Amino acid sequence: MAKPNYQFDKRQRELKKNKQQEEKRLKKLARGETAEPSATKPEPSA
């Protein structure tokens, strides 16, 4: 029987976790842009 490759399993879990965090961050960013579009653009002061 082959030995389990724990380092490979750990690396795969880390990659999956990072991918989910990045997707969550992008989702939050997109939600924030659609909710407050005027807050991100400063008004010109003349």
C-alpha atoms as a PDB file:
ATOM      1  CA  MET A   1       0.000   0.000   0.000  1.00  0.00           C
ATOM      2  CA  ALA A   2       1.271   3.497  -0.859  1.00  0.00           C
ATOM      3  CA  LYS A   3       2.083   6.068   1.791  1.00  0.00           C
ATOM      4  CA  PRO A   4      -0.270   9.074   1.980  1.00  0.00           C
ATOM      5  CA  ASN A   5       1.275  12.296   0.703  1.00  0.00           C
ATOM      6  CA  TYR A   6       0.292  14.697   3.466  1.00  0.00           C
ATOM      7  CA  GLN A   7       2.207  17.643   2.010  1.00  0.00           C
ATOM      8  CA  PHE A   8       0.286  17.385  -1.263  1.00  0.00           C
ATOM      9  CA  ASP A   9      -3.040  17.175   0.582  1.00  0.00           C
ATOM     10  CA  LYS A  10      -2.159  20.183   2.719  1.00  0.00           C
ATOM     11  CA  ARG A  11      -1.113  22.208  -0.334  1.00  0.00           C
ATOM     12  CA  GLN A  12      -4.369  21.369  -2.111  1.00  0.00           C
ATOM     13  CA  ARG A  13      -6.395  22.463   0.941  1.00  0.00           C
ATOM     14  CA  GLU A  14      -4.430  25.724   1.107  1.00  0.00           C
ATOM     15  CA  LEU A  15      -4.993  26.435  -2.598  1.00  0.00           C
ATOM     16  CA  LYS A  16      -8.714  25.747  -2.241  1.00  0.00           C
ATOM     17  CA  LYS A  17      -8.937  28.001   0.823  1.00  0.00           C
ATOM     18  CA  ASN A  18      -7.066  30.844  -0.891  1.00  0.00           C
ATOM     19  CA  LYS A  19      -9.270  30.559  -3.972  1.00  0.00           C
ATOM     20  CA  GLN A  20     -12.421  30.779  -1.838  1.00  0.00           C
ATOM     21  CA  GLN A  21     -11.053  33.791   0.048  1.00  0.00           C
ATOM     22  CA  GLU A  22     -10.202  35.553  -3.218  1.00  0.00           C
ATOM     23  CA  GLU A  23     -13.689  34.861  -4.611  1.00  0.00           C
ATOM     24  CA  LYS A  24     -15.228  36.206  -1.401  1.00  0.00           C
ATOM     25  CA  ARG A  25     -13.034  39.330  -1.574  1.00  0.00           C
ATOM     26  CA  LEU A  26     -14.022  39.986  -5.186  1.00  0.00           C
ATOM     27  CA  LYS A  27     -17.685  39.434  -4.351  1.00  0.00           C
ATOM     28  CA  LYS A  28     -17.474  41.928  -1.483  1.00  0.00           C
ATOM     29  CA  LEU A  29     -15.666  44.416  -3.696  1.00  0.00           C
ATOM     30  CA  ALA A  30     -18.282  44.144  -6.439  1.00  0.00           C
ATOM     31  CA  ARG A  31     -21.102  44.463  -3.927  1.00  0.00           C
ATOM     32  CA  GLY A  32     -19.520  47.580  -2.444  1.00  0.00           C
ATOM     33  CA  GLU A  33     -19.112  49.228  -5.845  1.00  0.00           C
ATOM     34  CA  THR A  34     -22.748  48.677  -6.828  1.00  0.00           C
ATOM     35  CA  ALA A  35     -24.094  49.779  -3.438  1.00  0.00           C
ATOM     36  CA  GLU A  36     -22.214  53.097  -3.224  1.00  0.00           C
ATOM     37  CA  PRO A  37     -21.087  54.344  -6.640  1.00  0.00           C
ATOM     38  CA  SER A  38     -21.254  58.031  -5.677  1.00  0.00           C
ATOM     39  CA  ALA A  39     -19.116  57.548  -2.560  1.00  0.00           C
ATOM     40  CA  THR A  40     -16.152  56.343  -4.593  1.00  0.00           C
ATOM     41  CA  LYS A  41     -16.121  59.350  -6.950  1.00  0.00           C
ATOM     42  CA  PRO A  42     -15.092  62.656  -5.373  1.00  0.00           C
ATOM     43  CA  GLU A  43     -17.067  65.704  -6.475  1.00  0.00           C
ATOM     44  CA  PRO A  44     -15.039  68.426  -8.189  1.00  0.00           C
ATOM     45  CA  SER A  45     -14.725  71.558  -6.090  1.00  0.00           C
ATOM     46  CA  ALA A  46     -14.688  74.709  -8.181  1.00  0.00           C
END
